[in-house]
Amino acid sequence: MNENGLKLENFKAGECIFKEGTPADSAYMITNGEVEISKEKHGERIVLATKKQGDVFGEMALIEQSERSATATAASNTVCYRLDEQYFLQELDGLHPFMRGIFKKLSGIVRRQTDTVALVEAADRIKEKVTEEEEKRKEQEKHSF
């Protein structure tokens, strides 16, 4: 780790970087590759976003000092800078309390919106499955007579 709290990390395609519900200990910036951000709702994996080179992820849980709100998985072989929690919080604490409050408020809004999107996506997938099953059932009824 260098003096900026950064460490270069490599992840293989399909490797879990962090899991939803786990304590946050770092934020990441992608230097190469892609990362899928997903949530598990009603047994369905819902990809909320695909992060690319230059994107940052994992910061919300650090700002809010809470658990991870989603899972991050390397979608391809990926290289990221990992920013250590201690350094991140040290820098955040250096901000004016008003600015810290704004960051925490905005992070909370994004987290709630992300949860809403995940629920809507899960509901849409369930609706599609129910519709497909209903169509199959109707088709089978046609042929059974």
N, C-alpha and C. Protein backbone atom coordinates (compact mmCIF):
# COMPACT_ATOMS: atom_id res chain seq x y z
N MET A 1 0.85 -1.17 0.00
CA MET A 1 0.00 0.00 0.00
C MET A 1 0.90 1.24 0.00
N ASN A 2 0.54 2.24 -0.81
CA ASN A 2 1.37 3.43 -0.84
C ASN A 2 0.88 4.46 0.18
N GLU A 3 1.51 5.62 0.19
CA GLU A 3 1.18 6.65 1.18
C GLU A 3 -0.22 7.24 1.01
N ASN A 4 -0.84 7.01 -0.12
CA ASN A 4 -2.20 7.50 -0.37
C ASN A 4 -3.27 6.49 0.04
N GLY A 5 -2.86 5.41 0.69
CA GLY A 5 -3.81 4.39 1.09
C GLY A 5 -4.26 3.50 -0.04
N LEU A 6 -3.56 3.55 -1.19
CA LEU A 6 -3.95 2.79 -2.37
C LEU A 6 -3.10 1.54 -2.54
N LYS A 7 -3.75 0.48 -3.00
CA LYS A 7 -3.07 -0.77 -3.31
C LYS A 7 -3.66 -1.29 -4.62
N LEU A 8 -2.82 -1.74 -5.52
CA LEU A 8 -3.27 -2.30 -6.79
C LEU A 8 -3.65 -3.77 -6.57
N GLU A 9 -4.86 -4.14 -6.99
CA GLU A 9 -5.33 -5.52 -6.83
C GLU A 9 -5.84 -6.06 -8.15
N ASN A 10 -5.62 -7.36 -8.38
CA ASN A 10 -6.07 -8.05 -9.58
C ASN A 10 -7.18 -9.03 -9.22
N PHE A 11 -8.21 -9.06 -10.07
CA PHE A 11 -9.33 -9.99 -9.88
C PHE A 11 -9.57 -10.74 -11.19
N LYS A 12 -9.79 -12.03 -11.07
CA LYS A 12 -10.09 -12.85 -12.24
C LYS A 12 -11.57 -12.74 -12.58
N ALA A 13 -11.91 -12.94 -13.85
CA ALA A 13 -13.31 -12.92 -14.28
C ALA A 13 -14.12 -13.87 -13.40
N GLY A 14 -15.24 -13.39 -12.88
CA GLY A 14 -16.11 -14.19 -12.02
C GLY A 14 -15.77 -14.12 -10.54
N GLU A 15 -14.64 -13.53 -10.20
CA GLU A 15 -14.22 -13.45 -8.80
C GLU A 15 -15.03 -12.39 -8.05
N CYS A 16 -15.49 -12.76 -6.86
CA CYS A 16 -16.25 -11.83 -6.02
C CYS A 16 -15.27 -10.88 -5.33
N ILE A 17 -15.52 -9.59 -5.48
CA ILE A 17 -14.68 -8.57 -4.85
C ILE A 17 -15.19 -8.29 -3.44
N PHE A 18 -16.51 -8.14 -3.31
CA PHE A 18 -17.15 -8.09 -1.99
C PHE A 18 -18.61 -8.49 -2.13
N LYS A 19 -19.19 -8.96 -1.02
CA LYS A 19 -20.57 -9.46 -1.00
C LYS A 19 -21.50 -8.49 -0.29
N GLU A 20 -22.70 -8.43 -0.79
CA GLU A 20 -23.77 -7.65 -0.16
C GLU A 20 -23.91 -8.09 1.30
N GLY A 21 -24.04 -7.11 2.19
CA GLY A 21 -24.26 -7.41 3.60
C GLY A 21 -22.99 -7.54 4.43
N THR A 22 -21.83 -7.53 3.78
CA THR A 22 -20.58 -7.64 4.53
C THR A 22 -20.07 -6.26 4.94
N PRO A 23 -19.26 -6.19 5.99
CA PRO A 23 -18.72 -4.89 6.42
C PRO A 23 -17.82 -4.29 5.34
N ALA A 24 -17.87 -2.98 5.21
CA ALA A 24 -17.04 -2.29 4.22
C ALA A 24 -15.67 -2.00 4.81
N ASP A 25 -14.62 -2.29 4.03
CA ASP A 25 -13.27 -1.98 4.49
C ASP A 25 -12.45 -1.26 3.42
N SER A 26 -13.10 -0.95 2.28
CA SER A 26 -12.37 -0.31 1.20
C SER A 26 -13.32 0.16 0.10
N ALA A 27 -12.79 1.05 -0.75
CA ALA A 27 -13.46 1.46 -1.98
C ALA A 27 -12.49 1.16 -3.12
N TYR A 28 -13.00 1.09 -4.34
CA TYR A 28 -12.18 0.66 -5.48
C TYR A 28 -12.35 1.61 -6.66
N MET A 29 -11.27 1.72 -7.45
CA MET A 29 -11.33 2.41 -8.74
C MET A 29 -10.74 1.47 -9.78
N ILE A 30 -11.49 1.25 -10.86
CA ILE A 30 -11.08 0.31 -11.90
C ILE A 30 -10.05 0.97 -12.81
N THR A 31 -8.92 0.29 -12.99
CA THR A 31 -7.91 0.76 -13.94
C THR A 31 -7.98 -0.02 -15.25
N ASN A 32 -8.52 -1.26 -15.18
CA ASN A 32 -8.66 -2.08 -16.36
C ASN A 32 -9.70 -3.17 -16.08
N GLY A 33 -10.61 -3.41 -17.02
CA GLY A 33 -11.61 -4.46 -16.85
C GLY A 33 -12.99 -3.90 -16.53
N GLU A 34 -13.86 -4.80 -16.07
CA GLU A 34 -15.24 -4.44 -15.76
C GLU A 34 -15.69 -5.15 -14.50
N VAL A 35 -16.58 -4.50 -13.75
CA VAL A 35 -17.13 -5.05 -12.51
C VAL A 35 -18.64 -4.91 -12.54
N GLU A 36 -19.33 -6.02 -12.25
CA GLU A 36 -20.79 -5.98 -12.14
C GLU A 36 -21.18 -5.74 -10.69
N ILE A 37 -22.10 -4.80 -10.51
CA ILE A 37 -22.68 -4.52 -9.20
C ILE A 37 -24.07 -5.14 -9.21
N SER A 38 -24.33 -6.05 -8.26
CA SER A 38 -25.61 -6.78 -8.28
C SER A 38 -26.18 -6.91 -6.88
N LYS A 39 -27.47 -7.20 -6.86
CA LYS A 39 -28.19 -7.48 -5.62
C LYS A 39 -28.93 -8.79 -5.78
N GLU A 40 -29.17 -9.44 -4.68
CA GLU A 40 -29.96 -10.67 -4.65
C GLU A 40 -31.34 -10.31 -4.11
N LYS A 41 -32.38 -10.51 -4.90
CA LYS A 41 -33.75 -10.24 -4.48
C LYS A 41 -34.63 -11.42 -4.87
N HIS A 42 -35.29 -12.00 -3.90
CA HIS A 42 -36.21 -13.12 -4.13
C HIS A 42 -35.53 -14.24 -4.92
N GLY A 43 -34.29 -14.52 -4.57
CA GLY A 43 -33.56 -15.60 -5.22
C GLY A 43 -33.02 -15.27 -6.60
N GLU A 44 -33.19 -14.05 -7.04
CA GLU A 44 -32.72 -13.62 -8.36
C GLU A 44 -31.52 -12.70 -8.21
N ARG A 45 -30.50 -12.91 -9.05
CA ARG A 45 -29.37 -11.99 -9.10
C ARG A 45 -29.71 -10.89 -10.10
N ILE A 46 -29.69 -9.66 -9.62
CA ILE A 46 -30.05 -8.53 -10.47
C ILE A 46 -28.83 -7.63 -10.63
N VAL A 47 -28.35 -7.50 -11.87
CA VAL A 47 -27.20 -6.64 -12.14
C VAL A 47 -27.71 -5.21 -12.23
N LEU A 48 -27.24 -4.38 -11.32
CA LEU A 48 -27.66 -2.99 -11.26
C LEU A 48 -26.82 -2.09 -12.16
N ALA A 49 -25.55 -2.44 -12.29
CA ALA A 49 -24.65 -1.61 -13.09
C ALA A 49 -23.42 -2.42 -13.46
N THR A 50 -22.82 -2.03 -14.56
CA THR A 50 -21.51 -2.57 -14.94
C THR A 50 -20.54 -1.39 -14.93
N LYS A 51 -19.57 -1.48 -14.06
CA LYS A 51 -18.57 -0.41 -13.90
C LYS A 51 -17.39 -0.70 -14.81
N LYS A 52 -16.82 0.37 -15.38
CA LYS A 52 -15.73 0.24 -16.34
C LYS A 52 -14.52 1.07 -15.88
N GLN A 53 -13.48 1.07 -16.69
CA GLN A 53 -12.25 1.79 -16.37
C GLN A 53 -12.54 3.22 -15.93
N GLY A 54 -11.95 3.60 -14.80
CA GLY A 54 -12.12 4.95 -14.25
C GLY A 54 -13.26 5.07 -13.27
N ASP A 55 -14.17 4.07 -13.25
CA ASP A 55 -15.31 4.12 -12.33
C ASP A 55 -14.87 3.73 -10.92
N VAL A 56 -15.59 4.29 -9.95
CA VAL A 56 -15.36 4.00 -8.53
C VAL A 56 -16.57 3.22 -8.02
N PHE A 57 -16.32 2.26 -7.13
CA PHE A 57 -17.42 1.52 -6.51
C PHE A 57 -17.01 1.14 -5.09
N GLY A 58 -18.01 0.87 -4.26
CA GLY A 58 -17.76 0.48 -2.88
C GLY A 58 -17.65 1.66 -1.92
N GLU A 59 -17.81 2.86 -2.44
CA GLU A 59 -17.64 4.05 -1.61
C GLU A 59 -18.82 4.35 -0.71
N MET A 60 -20.03 3.95 -1.12
CA MET A 60 -21.22 4.31 -0.33
C MET A 60 -21.16 3.74 1.08
N ALA A 61 -20.78 2.49 1.20
CA ALA A 61 -20.72 1.86 2.52
C ALA A 61 -19.65 2.51 3.39
N LEU A 62 -18.58 2.99 2.77
CA LEU A 62 -17.55 3.68 3.55
C LEU A 62 -18.06 5.03 4.04
N ILE A 63 -18.73 5.77 3.16
CA ILE A 63 -19.27 7.08 3.54
C ILE A 63 -20.26 6.93 4.68
N GLU A 64 -21.15 5.93 4.55
CA GLU A 64 -22.20 5.73 5.55
C GLU A 64 -21.74 4.89 6.73
N GLN A 65 -20.54 4.30 6.63
CA GLN A 65 -20.01 3.38 7.63
C GLN A 65 -21.05 2.30 7.94
N SER A 66 -21.45 1.63 6.86
CA SER A 66 -22.47 0.58 6.96
C SER A 66 -22.01 -0.64 6.16
N GLU A 67 -22.90 -1.62 6.10
CA GLU A 67 -22.60 -2.84 5.32
C GLU A 67 -22.73 -2.55 3.83
N ARG A 68 -22.15 -3.44 3.05
CA ARG A 68 -22.25 -3.34 1.59
C ARG A 68 -23.71 -3.49 1.18
N SER A 69 -24.16 -2.65 0.27
CA SER A 69 -25.55 -2.70 -0.19
C SER A 69 -25.71 -3.59 -1.42
N ALA A 70 -24.60 -4.03 -2.00
CA ALA A 70 -24.64 -4.86 -3.20
C ALA A 70 -23.37 -5.70 -3.26
N THR A 71 -23.35 -6.62 -4.21
CA THR A 71 -22.19 -7.48 -4.44
C THR A 71 -21.44 -6.94 -5.65
N ALA A 72 -20.12 -6.96 -5.59
CA ALA A 72 -19.27 -6.57 -6.72
C ALA A 72 -18.52 -7.80 -7.20
N THR A 73 -18.64 -8.09 -8.51
CA THR A 73 -18.01 -9.26 -9.11
C THR A 73 -17.25 -8.83 -10.36
N ALA A 74 -16.03 -9.29 -10.51
CA ALA A 74 -15.26 -8.99 -11.72
C ALA A 74 -15.96 -9.65 -12.91
N ALA A 75 -16.36 -8.84 -13.89
CA ALA A 75 -17.02 -9.37 -15.09
C ALA A 75 -15.99 -9.86 -16.11
N SER A 76 -14.78 -9.39 -15.96
CA SER A 76 -13.65 -9.82 -16.79
C SER A 76 -12.42 -9.74 -15.89
N ASN A 77 -11.27 -10.16 -16.40
CA ASN A 77 -10.06 -9.95 -15.62
C ASN A 77 -9.94 -8.45 -15.37
N THR A 78 -9.80 -8.07 -14.11
CA THR A 78 -9.92 -6.67 -13.72
C THR A 78 -8.79 -6.27 -12.78
N VAL A 79 -8.33 -5.03 -12.96
CA VAL A 79 -7.32 -4.45 -12.07
C VAL A 79 -7.94 -3.20 -11.45
N CYS A 80 -7.84 -3.10 -10.13
CA CYS A 80 -8.41 -1.97 -9.40
C CYS A 80 -7.41 -1.40 -8.41
N TYR A 81 -7.54 -0.11 -8.17
CA TYR A 81 -6.91 0.47 -7.00
C TYR A 81 -7.87 0.28 -5.85
N ARG A 82 -7.35 -0.21 -4.73
CA ARG A 82 -8.16 -0.40 -3.52
C ARG A 82 -7.76 0.70 -2.54
N LEU A 83 -8.75 1.48 -2.10
CA LEU A 83 -8.53 2.54 -1.13
C LEU A 83 -8.93 2.03 0.24
N ASP A 84 -8.00 1.99 1.13
CA ASP A 84 -8.18 1.49 2.49
C ASP A 84 -9.20 2.33 3.27
N GLU A 85 -10.04 1.67 4.06
CA GLU A 85 -11.07 2.34 4.86
C GLU A 85 -10.46 3.39 5.80
N GLN A 86 -9.39 3.04 6.47
CA GLN A 86 -8.79 3.96 7.44
C GLN A 86 -8.37 5.26 6.77
N TYR A 87 -7.72 5.15 5.62
CA TYR A 87 -7.29 6.35 4.90
C TYR A 87 -8.51 7.13 4.40
N PHE A 88 -9.49 6.42 3.87
CA PHE A 88 -10.71 7.06 3.36
C PHE A 88 -11.39 7.87 4.48
N LEU A 89 -11.57 7.24 5.64
CA LEU A 89 -12.25 7.91 6.75
C LEU A 89 -11.42 9.07 7.28
N GLN A 90 -10.11 8.94 7.25
CA GLN A 90 -9.24 10.04 7.67
C GLN A 90 -9.45 11.25 6.76
N GLU A 91 -9.52 10.99 5.46
CA GLU A 91 -9.75 12.08 4.50
C GLU A 91 -11.16 12.66 4.66
N LEU A 92 -12.14 11.79 4.86
CA LEU A 92 -13.53 12.24 5.05
C LEU A 92 -13.65 13.09 6.31
N ASP A 93 -12.98 12.67 7.38
CA ASP A 93 -13.01 13.42 8.63
C ASP A 93 -12.38 14.80 8.48
N GLY A 94 -11.50 14.96 7.49
CA GLY A 94 -10.87 16.25 7.25
C GLY A 94 -11.79 17.26 6.60
N LEU A 95 -12.92 16.80 6.12
CA LEU A 95 -13.89 17.72 5.49
C LEU A 95 -14.68 18.48 6.55
N HIS A 96 -15.20 19.61 6.16
CA HIS A 96 -16.10 20.37 7.03
C HIS A 96 -17.30 19.47 7.36
N PRO A 97 -17.79 19.48 8.60
CA PRO A 97 -18.92 18.63 8.98
C PRO A 97 -20.14 18.79 8.07
N PHE A 98 -20.36 19.99 7.55
CA PHE A 98 -21.47 20.23 6.64
C PHE A 98 -21.30 19.40 5.37
N MET A 99 -20.06 19.38 4.83
CA MET A 99 -19.78 18.61 3.62
C MET A 99 -19.91 17.11 3.89
N ARG A 100 -19.43 16.65 5.03
CA ARG A 100 -19.59 15.23 5.39
C ARG A 100 -21.06 14.86 5.42
N GLY A 101 -21.88 15.75 6.00
CA GLY A 101 -23.33 15.51 6.06
C GLY A 101 -23.94 15.40 4.68
N ILE A 102 -23.50 16.25 3.77
CA ILE A 102 -24.02 16.19 2.39
C ILE A 102 -23.64 14.86 1.74
N PHE A 103 -22.40 14.44 1.89
CA PHE A 103 -21.97 13.16 1.31
C PHE A 103 -22.79 12.00 1.87
N LYS A 104 -23.01 11.99 3.18
CA LYS A 104 -23.77 10.90 3.79
C LYS A 104 -25.22 10.92 3.31
N LYS A 105 -25.80 12.10 3.21
CA LYS A 105 -27.18 12.22 2.75
C LYS A 105 -27.30 11.73 1.29
N LEU A 106 -26.42 12.18 0.43
CA LEU A 106 -26.47 11.76 -0.97
C LEU A 106 -26.25 10.25 -1.12
N SER A 107 -25.35 9.72 -0.34
CA SER A 107 -25.10 8.29 -0.38
C SER A 107 -26.34 7.51 0.03
N GLY A 108 -27.03 7.98 1.06
CA GLY A 108 -28.26 7.33 1.50
C GLY A 108 -29.34 7.36 0.43
N ILE A 109 -29.44 8.48 -0.27
CA ILE A 109 -30.43 8.61 -1.36
C ILE A 109 -30.11 7.60 -2.46
N VAL A 110 -28.85 7.53 -2.85
CA VAL A 110 -28.44 6.59 -3.91
C VAL A 110 -28.73 5.16 -3.47
N ARG A 111 -28.43 4.84 -2.22
CA ARG A 111 -28.66 3.48 -1.70
C ARG A 111 -30.15 3.13 -1.78
N ARG A 112 -31.02 4.03 -1.38
CA ARG A 112 -32.47 3.75 -1.43
C ARG A 112 -32.95 3.60 -2.87
N GLN A 113 -32.44 4.43 -3.77
CA GLN A 113 -32.81 4.32 -5.18
C GLN A 113 -32.34 2.99 -5.76
N THR A 114 -31.15 2.57 -5.38
CA THR A 114 -30.61 1.29 -5.85
C THR A 114 -31.49 0.14 -5.37
N ASP A 115 -31.91 0.19 -4.11
CA ASP A 115 -32.80 -0.85 -3.58
C ASP A 115 -34.13 -0.87 -4.33
N THR A 116 -34.65 0.31 -4.65
CA THR A 116 -35.92 0.39 -5.38
C THR A 116 -35.78 -0.21 -6.78
N VAL A 117 -34.70 0.12 -7.46
CA VAL A 117 -34.45 -0.43 -8.80
C VAL A 117 -34.36 -1.95 -8.73
N ALA A 118 -33.66 -2.46 -7.74
CA ALA A 118 -33.52 -3.92 -7.60
C ALA A 118 -34.87 -4.58 -7.39
N LEU A 119 -35.72 -3.98 -6.57
CA LEU A 119 -37.05 -4.56 -6.34
C LEU A 119 -37.90 -4.53 -7.61
N VAL A 120 -37.84 -3.44 -8.35
CA VAL A 120 -38.60 -3.34 -9.60
C VAL A 120 -38.10 -4.38 -10.60
N GLU A 121 -36.78 -4.53 -10.71
CA GLU A 121 -36.20 -5.53 -11.61
C GLU A 121 -36.65 -6.94 -11.21
N ALA A 122 -36.62 -7.23 -9.92
CA ALA A 122 -37.04 -8.56 -9.45
C ALA A 122 -38.52 -8.79 -9.76
N ALA A 123 -39.34 -7.78 -9.53
CA ALA A 123 -40.77 -7.91 -9.81
C ALA A 123 -41.01 -8.14 -11.30
N ASP A 124 -40.27 -7.44 -12.15
CA ASP A 124 -40.41 -7.61 -13.60
C ASP A 124 -40.01 -9.02 -14.03
N ARG A 125 -38.94 -9.55 -13.45
CA ARG A 125 -38.51 -10.91 -13.79
C ARG A 125 -39.53 -11.94 -13.34
N ILE A 126 -40.08 -11.75 -12.16
CA ILE A 126 -41.10 -12.67 -11.66
C ILE A 126 -42.33 -12.61 -12.55
N LYS A 127 -42.73 -11.41 -12.94
CA LYS A 127 -43.89 -11.24 -13.82
C LYS A 127 -43.66 -11.95 -15.16
N GLU A 128 -42.45 -11.81 -15.72
CA GLU A 128 -42.12 -12.48 -16.97
C GLU A 128 -42.23 -14.00 -16.84
N LYS A 129 -41.70 -14.53 -15.73
CA LYS A 129 -41.76 -15.98 -15.51
C LYS A 129 -43.20 -16.45 -15.38
N VAL A 130 -44.02 -15.71 -14.64
CA VAL A 130 -45.42 -16.07 -14.46
C VAL A 130 -46.14 -16.04 -15.81
N THR A 131 -45.87 -15.01 -16.61
CA THR A 131 -46.49 -14.89 -17.93
C THR A 131 -46.07 -16.06 -18.82
N GLU A 132 -44.78 -16.41 -18.81
CA GLU A 132 -44.30 -17.55 -19.60
C GLU A 132 -44.98 -18.84 -19.18
N GLU A 133 -45.09 -19.06 -17.88
CA GLU A 133 -45.73 -20.27 -17.36
C GLU A 133 -47.21 -20.31 -17.74
N GLU A 134 -47.85 -19.18 -17.68
CA GLU A 134 -49.27 -19.10 -18.04
C GLU A 134 -49.45 -19.41 -19.54
N GLU A 135 -48.57 -18.89 -20.37
CA GLU A 135 -48.65 -19.16 -21.80
C GLU A 135 -48.40 -20.64 -22.09
N LYS A 136 -47.44 -21.25 -21.40
CA LYS A 136 -47.19 -22.69 -21.56
C LYS A 136 -48.41 -23.50 -21.15
N ARG A 137 -49.02 -23.13 -20.02
CA ARG A 137 -50.19 -23.84 -19.53
C ARG A 137 -51.33 -23.76 -20.54
N LYS A 138 -51.57 -22.57 -21.10
CA LYS A 138 -52.63 -22.40 -22.09
C LYS A 138 -52.35 -23.22 -23.34
N GLU A 139 -51.10 -23.25 -23.76
CA GLU A 139 -50.71 -24.03 -24.92
C GLU A 139 -50.93 -25.52 -24.68
N GLN A 140 -50.59 -25.98 -23.49
CA GLN A 140 -50.79 -27.39 -23.15
C GLN A 140 -52.28 -27.73 -23.11
N GLU A 141 -53.09 -26.81 -22.60
CA GLU A 141 -54.54 -27.04 -22.55
C GLU A 141 -55.12 -27.17 -23.95
N LYS A 142 -54.64 -26.38 -24.91
CA LYS A 142 -55.10 -26.44 -26.30
C LYS A 142 -54.85 -27.81 -26.89
N HIS A 143 -53.68 -28.35 -26.60
CA HIS A 143 -53.28 -29.63 -27.19
C HIS A 143 -53.83 -30.84 -26.43
N SER A 144 -54.35 -30.62 -25.26
CA SER A 144 -54.83 -31.78 -24.47
C SER A 144 -56.28 -32.13 -24.83
N PHE A 145 -56.96 -31.31 -25.58
CA PHE A 145 -58.34 -31.61 -25.94
C PHE A 145 -58.45 -32.32 -27.24
